[in-house]
């Protein structure tokens, strides 16, 4: 099985690329959705409410993700401390679920699994990937896109500052996709890279099994 990592800038188009790859036959493992599943667990909700207080709770008594994001994505030391706690509370369980998904993909014979993980390099998921694609777009283009999410340019920049520099992401990636054009142009680029990926790895005999590349430290507990 080929493991393909997808990284990029916020609003660069990672999800659009992953959606197209899923249409081509890949299995999409979306870390944001997995983390959301972990966040909704009662014991996690209780811990976050205790740590962050009532200001992050919505009218239904649940953690409001927008309010939580506003508290953890900032330049000040307090925001960084809040983000550090959130990552320590959410990431280990998210990692176990992603690992289980990858192993399930391999067991059921999936050809390609997409690892869509925002902190792919920081969390060392890059070690499990055969290739990594970085999706980027100019800042003006991305600022326009995030308006549909209710973000402004400052919120976009705040999220970028909590990630690895895009120049470093590009350096560590196998391919860089510049997504400033139309969806048709993007899909053409994806199609070319997909064909090359499948051809290169289908005949390769030295691509290790997913379980071997994950390593014993990442395997979920019984």
Protein backbone atom coordinates (compact mmCIF):
# COMPACT_ATOMS: atom_id res chain seq x y z
CA UNK A 1 0.00 0.00 0.00
CA UNK A 2 1.18 3.50 -0.84
CA UNK A 3 0.92 6.07 1.97
CA UNK A 4 0.66 9.60 0.59
CA UNK A 5 1.03 12.56 2.95
CA UNK A 6 -0.74 15.83 2.13
CA UNK A 7 0.51 19.06 3.72
CA UNK A 8 0.24 22.74 2.89
CA UNK A 9 -0.84 26.16 4.01
CA UNK A 10 -4.24 26.94 5.57
CA UNK A 11 -6.74 27.45 2.72
CA UNK A 12 -4.13 26.33 0.21
CA UNK A 13 -6.42 23.58 -1.05
CA UNK A 14 -5.36 20.41 0.80
CA UNK A 15 -8.92 19.18 1.22
CA UNK A 16 -9.72 19.81 -2.43
CA UNK A 17 -6.69 17.75 -3.45
CA UNK A 18 -7.59 14.98 -1.01
CA UNK A 19 -11.19 14.90 -2.28
CA UNK A 20 -9.99 14.51 -5.86
CA UNK A 21 -7.57 11.73 -4.87
CA UNK A 22 -10.43 9.94 -3.10
CA UNK A 23 -12.41 10.15 -6.36
CA UNK A 24 -9.44 8.52 -8.11
CA UNK A 25 -9.55 5.62 -5.66
CA UNK A 26 -7.46 6.61 -2.65
CA UNK A 27 -8.65 6.20 0.94
CA UNK A 28 -8.70 9.58 2.69
CA UNK A 29 -7.64 9.64 6.34
CA UNK A 30 -8.59 13.13 7.55
CA UNK A 31 -6.86 13.94 10.84
CA UNK A 32 -9.18 16.89 11.50
CA UNK A 33 -12.21 14.59 11.46
CA UNK A 34 -10.42 12.06 13.66
CA UNK A 35 -9.46 14.81 16.13
CA UNK A 36 -13.07 16.03 16.12
CA UNK A 37 -14.19 12.51 17.04
CA UNK A 38 -11.74 12.52 19.95
CA UNK A 39 -12.82 16.02 20.99
CA UNK A 40 -16.45 14.89 21.25
CA UNK A 41 -15.69 12.11 23.73
CA UNK A 42 -17.32 12.88 27.11
CA UNK A 43 -14.10 12.48 29.10
CA UNK A 44 -12.21 14.82 26.73
CA UNK A 45 -15.01 17.39 26.84
CA UNK A 46 -14.89 17.31 30.64
CA UNK A 47 -11.12 17.83 30.72
CA UNK A 48 -11.23 20.74 28.28
CA UNK A 49 -14.08 22.45 30.12
CA UNK A 50 -12.13 22.13 33.36
CA UNK A 51 -8.95 23.55 31.84
CA UNK A 52 -10.36 26.33 29.62
CA UNK A 53 -13.47 27.26 31.57
CA UNK A 54 -17.02 28.14 30.59
CA UNK A 55 -15.92 30.61 27.92
CA UNK A 56 -15.38 27.76 25.40
CA UNK A 57 -18.75 26.09 26.01
CA UNK A 58 -21.72 26.57 23.66
CA UNK A 59 -25.41 26.81 24.61
CA UNK A 60 -25.70 23.02 24.47
CA UNK A 61 -22.93 22.53 27.00
CA UNK A 62 -20.42 21.30 24.43
CA UNK A 63 -16.99 22.67 23.49
CA UNK A 64 -17.40 25.36 20.83
CA UNK A 65 -14.57 24.71 18.34
CA UNK A 66 -14.53 28.32 17.08
CA UNK A 67 -14.20 29.69 20.62
CA UNK A 68 -11.53 27.11 21.41
CA UNK A 69 -9.58 28.05 18.28
CA UNK A 70 -9.70 31.72 19.26
CA UNK A 71 -8.12 30.84 22.60
CA UNK A 72 -5.28 28.66 21.31
CA UNK A 73 -4.21 30.32 18.06
CA UNK A 74 -2.31 33.44 19.09
CA UNK A 75 1.17 34.91 19.42
CA UNK A 76 1.20 35.38 23.19
CA UNK A 77 2.61 32.91 25.72
CA UNK A 78 -0.80 32.18 27.24
CA UNK A 79 -2.22 31.13 23.84
CA UNK A 80 0.77 28.86 23.28
CA UNK A 81 0.25 27.26 26.69
CA UNK A 82 -3.40 26.66 25.87
CA UNK A 83 -2.47 25.15 22.50
CA UNK A 84 0.15 22.93 24.13
CA UNK A 85 -2.44 21.53 26.53
CA UNK A 86 -4.92 20.91 23.70
CA UNK A 87 -2.31 19.04 21.65
CA UNK A 88 -1.21 16.95 24.64
CA UNK A 89 -4.82 16.03 25.38
CA UNK A 90 -6.01 15.35 21.81
CA UNK A 91 -3.02 14.13 19.80
CA UNK A 92 -2.15 10.79 21.49
CA UNK A 93 -5.67 9.41 21.06
CA UNK A 94 -5.92 10.87 17.56
CA UNK A 95 -2.67 9.13 16.67
CA UNK A 96 -3.97 5.76 17.83
CA UNK A 97 -7.10 6.10 15.70
CA UNK A 98 -5.12 7.16 12.61
CA UNK A 99 -2.72 4.24 13.09
CA UNK A 100 -5.66 1.84 13.35
CA UNK A 101 -7.14 3.28 10.13
CA UNK A 102 -3.87 2.86 8.26
CA UNK A 103 -3.50 -0.75 9.36
CA UNK A 104 -7.11 -1.44 8.42
CA UNK A 105 -6.48 0.05 4.96
CA UNK A 106 -3.52 -2.26 4.45
CA UNK A 107 -5.35 -5.35 5.66
CA UNK A 108 -8.27 -4.74 3.32
CA UNK A 109 -5.93 -4.25 0.36
CA UNK A 110 -6.31 -0.52 -0.33
CA UNK A 111 -3.89 0.71 -2.98
CA UNK A 112 -3.32 4.25 -1.64
CA UNK A 113 -4.03 5.84 1.74
CA UNK A 114 -3.93 9.62 2.07
CA UNK A 115 -2.59 11.02 5.33
CA UNK A 116 -4.13 14.49 5.63
CA UNK A 117 -2.47 15.64 8.86
CA UNK A 118 -1.93 19.38 9.55
CA UNK A 119 1.17 18.74 11.72
CA UNK A 120 2.49 15.85 9.65
CA UNK A 121 6.18 16.69 10.11
CA UNK A 122 5.95 17.82 13.74
CA UNK A 123 4.15 14.61 14.69
CA UNK A 124 6.59 12.47 12.62
CA UNK A 125 3.89 11.00 10.37
CA UNK A 126 6.18 11.81 7.43
CA UNK A 127 8.21 8.72 8.38
CA UNK A 128 5.24 6.55 7.43
CA UNK A 129 4.78 8.16 3.99
CA UNK A 130 6.06 7.00 0.60
CA UNK A 131 5.52 10.47 -0.85
CA UNK A 132 4.44 13.87 0.47
CA UNK A 133 2.64 16.51 -1.59
CA UNK A 134 2.60 20.14 -0.42
CA UNK A 135 -0.38 22.24 -1.55
CA UNK A 136 0.10 26.00 -1.48
CA UNK A 137 -1.42 29.20 -2.88
CA UNK A 138 -0.54 32.87 -2.77
CA UNK A 139 -1.58 34.69 0.41
CA UNK A 140 -4.07 36.94 -1.38
CA UNK A 141 -5.78 33.89 -2.89
CA UNK A 142 -5.95 32.12 0.46
CA UNK A 143 -7.19 35.25 2.25
CA UNK A 144 -10.09 35.41 -0.19
CA UNK A 145 -10.89 31.73 0.31
CA UNK A 146 -11.04 31.89 4.10
CA UNK A 147 -13.79 34.48 4.01
CA UNK A 148 -16.21 31.62 3.40
CA UNK A 149 -14.99 30.12 6.71
CA UNK A 150 -15.64 33.34 8.56
CA UNK A 151 -11.94 34.04 9.06
CA UNK A 152 -10.08 37.26 8.39
CA UNK A 153 -6.47 37.66 7.26
CA UNK A 154 -5.27 37.97 10.86
CA UNK A 155 -6.89 34.67 11.83
CA UNK A 156 -5.33 33.01 8.80
CA UNK A 157 -1.89 34.32 9.75
CA UNK A 158 -2.36 33.20 13.37
CA UNK A 159 -2.95 29.63 12.23
CA UNK A 160 0.05 29.75 9.91
CA UNK A 161 2.33 30.81 12.76
CA UNK A 162 1.46 27.64 14.67
CA UNK A 163 2.60 25.46 11.79
CA UNK A 164 5.95 24.67 10.20
CA UNK A 165 7.12 27.35 7.77
CA UNK A 166 5.75 26.66 4.30
CA UNK A 167 9.24 26.90 2.80
CA UNK A 168 10.33 24.04 5.04
CA UNK A 169 7.21 22.02 4.18
CA UNK A 170 8.05 22.43 0.49
CA UNK A 171 11.65 21.41 1.05
CA UNK A 172 10.59 18.24 2.84
CA UNK A 173 7.92 17.31 0.29
CA UNK A 174 8.19 15.16 -2.83
CA UNK A 175 6.05 17.50 -4.93
CA UNK A 176 4.68 21.03 -4.55
CA UNK A 177 1.27 21.92 -6.01
CA UNK A 178 0.64 25.65 -6.52
CA UNK A 179 -3.12 26.09 -6.38
CA UNK A 180 -3.72 29.61 -7.69
CA UNK A 181 -5.71 28.66 -10.78
CA UNK A 182 -8.98 26.97 -11.63
CA UNK A 183 -10.29 23.67 -10.33
CA UNK A 184 -9.78 22.19 -13.79
CA UNK A 185 -6.11 23.17 -13.75
CA UNK A 186 -5.71 21.74 -10.27
CA UNK A 187 -7.34 18.44 -11.25
CA UNK A 188 -5.04 18.16 -14.28
CA UNK A 189 -1.99 18.56 -12.02
CA UNK A 190 -3.36 16.00 -9.56
CA UNK A 191 -4.04 13.56 -12.40
CA UNK A 192 -0.46 13.77 -13.68
CA UNK A 193 1.03 13.30 -10.22
CA UNK A 194 -1.37 10.46 -9.42
CA UNK A 195 -0.45 8.55 -12.57
CA UNK A 196 3.24 8.99 -11.84
CA UNK A 197 2.77 7.91 -8.21
CA UNK A 198 0.92 4.72 -9.09
CA UNK A 199 3.32 3.78 -11.88
CA UNK A 200 6.39 4.38 -9.72
CA UNK A 201 5.23 2.38 -6.74
CA UNK A 202 3.23 -0.40 -8.35
CA UNK A 203 6.40 -2.14 -9.52
CA UNK A 204 8.57 -1.20 -6.54
CA UNK A 205 9.61 -4.13 -4.40
CA UNK A 206 11.32 -2.15 -1.63
CA UNK A 207 8.27 -0.30 -0.30
CA UNK A 208 7.85 -1.62 3.24
CA UNK A 209 4.57 -2.75 4.68
CA UNK A 210 2.58 -0.09 6.45
CA UNK A 211 2.90 -1.87 9.80
CA UNK A 212 6.69 -1.99 9.46
CA UNK A 213 6.94 1.71 8.63
CA UNK A 214 4.64 2.75 11.45
CA UNK A 215 6.82 1.02 14.02
CA UNK A 216 5.74 -0.68 17.18
CA UNK A 217 5.55 2.60 19.13
CA UNK A 218 2.64 3.77 16.98
CA UNK A 219 0.55 0.61 17.14
CA UNK A 220 -2.76 0.93 19.00
CA UNK A 221 -3.11 -0.83 22.32
CA UNK A 222 -5.40 -3.84 22.61
